[in-house]
Amino acid sequence: MRNEMPQKGILELEPFDCWGIDFMGPFPSSYSNLYILVCVDYVSKWVEAIACIANNAHTVINILRKNIFA
């Protein structure tokens, strides 16, 4: 019994179960965009980077609706 492996459940994750969202910037203005919103799905390793004017919650919601969940 001492040499037996401990029995632990295997954690199953599906794409879009674990996300990371963060702003980068401000950067020098390019077409009036100062920030980059970076969205990462850690399960599938999918990355989306979107230039945006502001770094607030309203901007995040609009970008997620238009580009991610459309």
PDB file of N, CA and C in Angstrom:
ATOM      1  N   MET A   1       0.806  -1.189   0.000  1.00  0.00           N
ATOM      2  CA  MET A   1       0.000   0.000   0.000  1.00  0.00           C
ATOM      3  C   MET A   1       0.853   1.257   0.000  1.00  0.00           C
ATOM      4  N   ARG A   2       2.025   1.160   0.517  1.00  0.00           N
ATOM      5  CA  ARG A   2       2.896   2.320   0.592  1.00  0.00           C
ATOM      6  C   ARG A   2       3.363   2.757  -0.794  1.00  0.00           C
ATOM      7  N   ASN A   3       3.536   1.853  -1.723  1.00  0.00           N
ATOM      8  CA  ASN A   3       4.053   2.173  -3.048  1.00  0.00           C
ATOM      9  C   ASN A   3       2.961   2.505  -4.063  1.00  0.00           C
ATOM     10  N   GLU A   4       1.713   2.523  -3.635  1.00  0.00           N
ATOM     11  CA  GLU A   4       0.629   2.818  -4.567  1.00  0.00           C
ATOM     12  C   GLU A   4       0.572   4.309  -4.870  1.00  0.00           C
ATOM     13  N   MET A   5       0.180   4.604  -6.096  1.00  0.00           N
ATOM     14  CA  MET A   5       0.009   6.002  -6.497  1.00  0.00           C
ATOM     15  C   MET A   5      -1.248   6.560  -5.834  1.00  0.00           C
ATOM     16  N   PRO A   6      -1.203   7.803  -5.388  1.00  0.00           N
ATOM     17  CA  PRO A   6      -2.423   8.392  -4.829  1.00  0.00           C
ATOM     18  C   PRO A   6      -3.474   8.559  -5.922  1.00  0.00           C
ATOM     19  N   GLN A   7      -4.706   8.285  -5.588  1.00  0.00           N
ATOM     20  CA  GLN A   7      -5.774   8.369  -6.578  1.00  0.00           C
ATOM     21  C   GLN A   7      -6.412   9.751  -6.524  1.00  0.00           C
ATOM     22  N   LYS A   8      -6.138  10.520  -7.553  1.00  0.00           N
ATOM     23  CA  LYS A   8      -6.699  11.859  -7.671  1.00  0.00           C
ATOM     24  C   LYS A   8      -7.465  11.943  -8.972  1.00  0.00           C
ATOM     25  N   GLY A   9      -8.534  12.703  -8.967  1.00  0.00           N
ATOM     26  CA  GLY A   9      -9.305  12.892 -10.185  1.00  0.00           C
ATOM     27  C   GLY A   9      -8.528  13.718 -11.197  1.00  0.00           C
ATOM     28  N   ILE A  10      -8.760  13.456 -12.464  1.00  0.00           N
ATOM     29  CA  ILE A  10      -8.122  14.214 -13.536  1.00  0.00           C
ATOM     30  C   ILE A  10      -9.015  15.397 -13.872  1.00  0.00           C
ATOM     31  N   LEU A  11      -8.439  16.570 -13.857  1.00  0.00           N
ATOM     32  CA  LEU A  11      -9.184  17.781 -14.153  1.00  0.00           C
ATOM     33  C   LEU A  11      -9.358  17.909 -15.658  1.00  0.00           C
ATOM     34  N   GLU A  12     -10.598  17.962 -16.098  1.00  0.00           N
ATOM     35  CA  GLU A  12     -10.891  18.099 -17.525  1.00  0.00           C
ATOM     36  C   GLU A  12     -11.311  19.528 -17.809  1.00  0.00           C
ATOM     37  N   LEU A  13     -10.612  20.157 -18.728  1.00  0.00           N
ATOM     38  CA  LEU A  13     -10.944  21.514 -19.139  1.00  0.00           C
ATOM     39  C   LEU A  13     -11.262  21.529 -20.619  1.00  0.00           C
ATOM     40  N   GLU A  14     -12.216  22.341 -20.984  1.00  0.00           N
ATOM     41  CA  GLU A  14     -12.574  22.521 -22.385  1.00  0.00           C
ATOM     42  C   GLU A  14     -12.161  23.920 -22.813  1.00  0.00           C
ATOM     43  N   PRO A  15     -12.018  24.130 -24.126  1.00  0.00           N
ATOM     44  CA  PRO A  15     -11.693  25.483 -24.589  1.00  0.00           C
ATOM     45  C   PRO A  15     -12.686  26.504 -24.039  1.00  0.00           C
ATOM     46  N   PHE A  16     -12.189  27.661 -23.712  1.00  0.00           N
ATOM     47  CA  PHE A  16     -12.935  28.797 -23.153  1.00  0.00           C
ATOM     48  C   PHE A  16     -13.321  28.597 -21.689  1.00  0.00           C
ATOM     49  N   ASP A  17     -12.748  27.597 -21.008  1.00  0.00           N
ATOM     50  CA  ASP A  17     -12.991  27.427 -19.576  1.00  0.00           C
ATOM     51  C   ASP A  17     -12.098  28.343 -18.741  1.00  0.00           C
ATOM     52  N   CYS A  18     -10.926  28.668 -19.229  1.00  0.00           N
ATOM     53  CA  CYS A  18      -9.958  29.450 -18.459  1.00  0.00           C
ATOM     54  C   CYS A  18      -9.406  30.576 -19.331  1.00  0.00           C
ATOM     55  N   TRP A  19      -9.764  31.814 -19.003  1.00  0.00           N
ATOM     56  CA  TRP A  19      -9.411  32.980 -19.812  1.00  0.00           C
ATOM     57  C   TRP A  19      -8.489  33.919 -19.058  1.00  0.00           C
ATOM     58  N   GLY A  20      -7.733  34.689 -19.804  1.00  0.00           N
ATOM     59  CA  GLY A  20      -6.986  35.817 -19.273  1.00  0.00           C
ATOM     60  C   GLY A  20      -7.219  37.009 -20.174  1.00  0.00           C
ATOM     61  N   ILE A  21      -7.542  38.156 -19.575  1.00  0.00           N
ATOM     62  CA  ILE A  21      -7.794  39.377 -20.338  1.00  0.00           C
ATOM     63  C   ILE A  21      -7.009  40.497 -19.678  1.00  0.00           C
ATOM     64  N   ASP A  22      -6.249  41.257 -20.476  1.00  0.00           N
ATOM     65  CA  ASP A  22      -5.444  42.334 -19.911  1.00  0.00           C
ATOM     66  C   ASP A  22      -5.207  43.416 -20.952  1.00  0.00           C
ATOM     67  N   PHE A  23      -4.998  44.635 -20.473  1.00  0.00           N
ATOM     68  CA  PHE A  23      -4.634  45.750 -21.341  1.00  0.00           C
ATOM     69  C   PHE A  23      -3.130  45.936 -21.326  1.00  0.00           C
ATOM     70  N   MET A  24      -2.594  46.356 -22.459  1.00  0.00           N
ATOM     71  CA  MET A  24      -1.201  46.780 -22.566  1.00  0.00           C
ATOM     72  C   MET A  24      -1.211  48.230 -23.024  1.00  0.00           C
ATOM     73  N   GLY A  25      -0.277  49.025 -22.532  1.00  0.00           N
ATOM     74  CA  GLY A  25      -0.182  50.403 -22.981  1.00  0.00           C
ATOM     75  C   GLY A  25      -0.274  51.356 -21.814  1.00  0.00           C
ATOM     76  N   PRO A  26      -0.326  52.647 -22.072  1.00  0.00           N
ATOM     77  CA  PRO A  26      -0.559  53.291 -23.361  1.00  0.00           C
ATOM     78  C   PRO A  26       0.692  53.294 -24.234  1.00  0.00           C
ATOM     79  N   PHE A  27       0.456  53.228 -25.518  1.00  0.00           N
ATOM     80  CA  PHE A  27       1.499  53.291 -26.530  1.00  0.00           C
ATOM     81  C   PHE A  27       1.350  54.598 -27.300  1.00  0.00           C
ATOM     82  N   PRO A  28       2.338  54.970 -28.097  1.00  0.00           N
ATOM     83  CA  PRO A  28       2.157  56.137 -28.969  1.00  0.00           C
ATOM     84  C   PRO A  28       0.937  55.927 -29.870  1.00  0.00           C
ATOM     85  N   SER A  29       0.177  56.982 -30.062  1.00  0.00           N
ATOM     86  CA  SER A  29      -1.087  56.897 -30.792  1.00  0.00           C
ATOM     87  C   SER A  29      -0.890  56.438 -32.232  1.00  0.00           C
ATOM     88  N   SER A  30      -1.713  55.486 -32.639  1.00  0.00           N
ATOM     89  CA  SER A  30      -1.737  55.009 -34.015  1.00  0.00           C
ATOM     90  C   SER A  30      -3.196  54.886 -34.420  1.00  0.00           C
ATOM     91  N   TYR A  31      -3.643  55.726 -35.336  1.00  0.00           N
ATOM     92  CA  TYR A  31      -5.055  55.776 -35.725  1.00  0.00           C
ATOM     93  C   TYR A  31      -5.936  55.993 -34.492  1.00  0.00           C
ATOM     94  N   SER A  32      -5.480  56.813 -33.582  1.00  0.00           N
ATOM     95  CA  SER A  32      -6.129  57.192 -32.313  1.00  0.00           C
ATOM     96  C   SER A  32      -6.248  56.031 -31.319  1.00  0.00           C
ATOM     97  N   ASN A  33      -5.624  54.902 -31.585  1.00  0.00           N
ATOM     98  CA  ASN A  33      -5.611  53.780 -30.640  1.00  0.00           C
ATOM     99  C   ASN A  33      -4.385  53.891 -29.744  1.00  0.00           C
ATOM    100  N   LEU A  34      -4.601  53.814 -28.431  1.00  0.00           N
ATOM    101  CA  LEU A  34      -3.508  53.925 -27.465  1.00  0.00           C
ATOM    102  C   LEU A  34      -3.208  52.615 -26.749  1.00  0.00           C
ATOM    103  N   TYR A  35      -4.166  51.708 -26.714  1.00  0.00           N
ATOM    104  CA  TYR A  35      -4.047  50.493 -25.913  1.00  0.00           C
ATOM    105  C   TYR A  35      -4.250  49.248 -26.768  1.00  0.00           C
ATOM    106  N   ILE A  36      -3.774  48.125 -26.252  1.00  0.00           N
ATOM    107  CA  ILE A  36      -4.016  46.822 -26.867  1.00  0.00           C
ATOM    108  C   ILE A  36      -4.691  45.949 -25.820  1.00  0.00           C
ATOM    109  N   LEU A  37      -5.842  45.404 -26.177  1.00  0.00           N
ATOM    110  CA  LEU A  37      -6.537  44.452 -25.314  1.00  0.00           C
ATOM    111  C   LEU A  37      -6.119  43.052 -25.750  1.00  0.00           C
ATOM    112  N   VAL A  38      -5.555  42.282 -24.824  1.00  0.00           N
ATOM    113  CA  VAL A  38      -5.085  40.932 -25.121  1.00  0.00           C
ATOM    114  C   VAL A  38      -5.986  39.935 -24.401  1.00  0.00           C
ATOM    115  N   CYS A  39      -6.571  39.003 -25.153  1.00  0.00           N
ATOM    116  CA  CYS A  39      -7.424  37.946 -24.606  1.00  0.00           C
ATOM    117  C   CYS A  39      -6.760  36.607 -24.906  1.00  0.00           C
ATOM    118  N   VAL A  40      -6.605  35.769 -23.884  1.00  0.00           N
ATOM    119  CA  VAL A  40      -5.933  34.480 -24.043  1.00  0.00           C
ATOM    120  C   VAL A  40      -6.825  33.382 -23.478  1.00  0.00           C
ATOM    121  N   ASP A  41      -7.029  32.329 -24.261  1.00  0.00           N
ATOM    122  CA  ASP A  41      -7.668  31.116 -23.759  1.00  0.00           C
ATOM    123  C   ASP A  41      -6.539  30.159 -23.396  1.00  0.00           C
ATOM    124  N   TYR A  42      -6.366  29.893 -22.102  1.00  0.00           N
ATOM    125  CA  TYR A  42      -5.225  29.101 -21.650  1.00  0.00           C
ATOM    126  C   TYR A  42      -5.342  27.619 -21.997  1.00  0.00           C
ATOM    127  N   VAL A  43      -6.530  27.139 -22.312  1.00  0.00           N
ATOM    128  CA  VAL A  43      -6.699  25.723 -22.651  1.00  0.00           C
ATOM    129  C   VAL A  43      -6.270  25.468 -24.092  1.00  0.00           C
ATOM    130  N   SER A  44      -6.800  26.256 -25.025  1.00  0.00           N
ATOM    131  CA  SER A  44      -6.497  26.035 -26.443  1.00  0.00           C
ATOM    132  C   SER A  44      -5.297  26.848 -26.929  1.00  0.00           C
ATOM    133  N   LYS A  45      -4.778  27.738 -26.082  1.00  0.00           N
ATOM    134  CA  LYS A  45      -3.647  28.620 -26.422  1.00  0.00           C
ATOM    135  C   LYS A  45      -4.014  29.623 -27.516  1.00  0.00           C
ATOM    136  N   TRP A  46      -5.291  29.955 -27.615  1.00  0.00           N
ATOM    137  CA  TRP A  46      -5.775  30.907 -28.601  1.00  0.00           C
ATOM    138  C   TRP A  46      -5.578  32.317 -28.051  1.00  0.00           C
ATOM    139  N   VAL A  47      -5.025  33.214 -28.872  1.00  0.00           N
ATOM    140  CA  VAL A  47      -4.742  34.590 -28.456  1.00  0.00           C
ATOM    141  C   VAL A  47      -5.396  35.554 -29.428  1.00  0.00           C
ATOM    142  N   GLU A  48      -5.977  36.598 -28.890  1.00  0.00           N
ATOM    143  CA  GLU A  48      -6.557  37.668 -29.695  1.00  0.00           C
ATOM    144  C   GLU A  48      -6.026  38.982 -29.137  1.00  0.00           C
ATOM    145  N   ALA A  49      -5.463  39.831 -29.990  1.00  0.00           N
ATOM    146  CA  ALA A  49      -4.969  41.149 -29.590  1.00  0.00           C
ATOM    147  C   ALA A  49      -5.679  42.198 -30.434  1.00  0.00           C
ATOM    148  N   ILE A  50      -6.297  43.174 -29.772  1.00  0.00           N
ATOM    149  CA  ILE A  50      -7.131  44.153 -30.459  1.00  0.00           C
ATOM    150  C   ILE A  50      -6.727  45.551 -30.008  1.00  0.00           C
ATOM    151  N   ALA A  51      -6.444  46.434 -30.965  1.00  0.00           N
ATOM    152  CA  ALA A  51      -6.130  47.822 -30.651  1.00  0.00           C
ATOM    153  C   ALA A  51      -7.406  48.558 -30.269  1.00  0.00           C
ATOM    154  N   CYS A  52      -7.313  49.412 -29.242  1.00  0.00           N
ATOM    155  CA  CYS A  52      -8.497  50.162 -28.811  1.00  0.00           C
ATOM    156  C   CYS A  52      -8.100  51.536 -28.272  1.00  0.00           C
ATOM    157  N   ILE A  53      -9.090  52.414 -28.207  1.00  0.00           N
ATOM    158  CA  ILE A  53      -8.855  53.801 -27.833  1.00  0.00           C
ATOM    159  C   ILE A  53      -8.725  53.959 -26.321  1.00  0.00           C
ATOM    160  N   ALA A  54      -9.582  53.305 -25.556  1.00  0.00           N
ATOM    161  CA  ALA A  54      -9.607  53.477 -24.100  1.00  0.00           C
ATOM    162  C   ALA A  54      -9.407  52.137 -23.403  1.00  0.00           C
ATOM    163  N   ASN A  55      -9.060  52.205 -22.131  1.00  0.00           N
ATOM    164  CA  ASN A  55      -8.883  50.976 -21.347  1.00  0.00           C
ATOM    165  C   ASN A  55      -9.871  50.959 -20.182  1.00  0.00           C
ATOM    166  N   ASN A  56     -11.148  50.783 -20.513  1.00  0.00           N
ATOM    167  CA  ASN A  56     -12.180  50.732 -19.478  1.00  0.00           C
ATOM    168  C   ASN A  56     -13.110  49.540 -19.730  1.00  0.00           C
ATOM    169  N   ALA A  57     -14.016  49.308 -18.793  1.00  0.00           N
ATOM    170  CA  ALA A  57     -14.908  48.145 -18.872  1.00  0.00           C
ATOM    171  C   ALA A  57     -15.834  48.212 -20.079  1.00  0.00           C
ATOM    172  N   HIS A  58     -16.302  49.396 -20.413  1.00  0.00           N
ATOM    173  CA  HIS A  58     -17.193  49.556 -21.567  1.00  0.00           C
ATOM    174  C   HIS A  58     -16.492  49.102 -22.853  1.00  0.00           C
ATOM    175  N   THR A  59     -15.236  49.457 -22.998  1.00  0.00           N
ATOM    176  CA  THR A  59     -14.452  49.044 -24.166  1.00  0.00           C
ATOM    177  C   THR A  59     -14.315  47.530 -24.219  1.00  0.00           C
ATOM    178  N   VAL A  60     -14.021  46.909 -23.091  1.00  0.00           N
ATOM    179  CA  VAL A  60     -13.856  45.447 -23.037  1.00  0.00           C
ATOM    180  C   VAL A  60     -15.149  44.749 -23.440  1.00  0.00           C
ATOM    181  N   ILE A  61     -16.265  45.193 -22.902  1.00  0.00           N
ATOM    182  CA  ILE A  61     -17.555  44.567 -23.220  1.00  0.00           C
ATOM    183  C   ILE A  61     -17.863  44.676 -24.706  1.00  0.00           C
ATOM    184  N   ASN A  62     -17.670  45.858 -25.273  1.00  0.00           N
ATOM    185  CA  ASN A  62     -17.943  46.041 -26.704  1.00  0.00           C
ATOM    186  C   ASN A  62     -17.042  45.173 -27.570  1.00  0.00           C
ATOM    187  N   ILE A  63     -15.769  45.100 -27.248  1.00  0.00           N
ATOM    188  CA  ILE A  63     -14.829  44.302 -28.047  1.00  0.00           C
ATOM    189  C   ILE A  63     -15.152  42.815 -27.928  1.00  0.00           C
ATOM    190  N   LEU A  64     -15.459  42.343 -26.727  1.00  0.00           N
ATOM    191  CA  LEU A  64     -15.800  40.929 -26.561  1.00  0.00           C
ATOM    192  C   LEU A  64     -17.071  40.579 -27.328  1.00  0.00           C
ATOM    193  N   ARG A  65     -18.054  41.455 -27.294  1.00  0.00           N
ATOM    194  CA  ARG A  65     -19.297  41.198 -28.039  1.00  0.00           C
ATOM    195  C   ARG A  65     -19.060  41.169 -29.541  1.00  0.00           C
ATOM    196  N   LYS A  66     -18.290  42.131 -30.045  1.00  0.00           N
ATOM    197  CA  LYS A  66     -18.083  42.240 -31.495  1.00  0.00           C
ATOM    198  C   LYS A  66     -17.120  41.197 -32.051  1.00  0.00           C
ATOM    199  N   ASN A  67     -16.036  40.934 -31.351  1.00  0.00           N
ATOM    200  CA  ASN A  67     -14.949  40.129 -31.916  1.00  0.00           C
ATOM    201  C   ASN A  67     -14.864  38.703 -31.387  1.00  0.00           C
ATOM    202  N   ILE A  68     -15.290  38.462 -30.185  1.00  0.00           N
ATOM    203  CA  ILE A  68     -15.109  37.142 -29.582  1.00  0.00           C
ATOM    204  C   ILE A  68     -16.403  36.333 -29.623  1.00  0.00           C
ATOM    205  N   PHE A  69     -17.502  36.919 -29.165  1.00  0.00           N
ATOM    206  CA  PHE A  69     -18.755  36.186 -29.027  1.00  0.00           C
ATOM    207  C   PHE A  69     -19.731  36.449 -30.161  1.00  0.00           C
ATOM    208  N   ALA A  70     -19.265  36.977 -31.256  1.00  0.00           N
ATOM    209  CA  ALA A  70     -20.149  37.270 -32.397  1.00  0.00           C
ATOM    210  C   ALA A  70     -20.435  36.015 -33.198  1.00  0.00           C
TER     211      ALA A  70
END
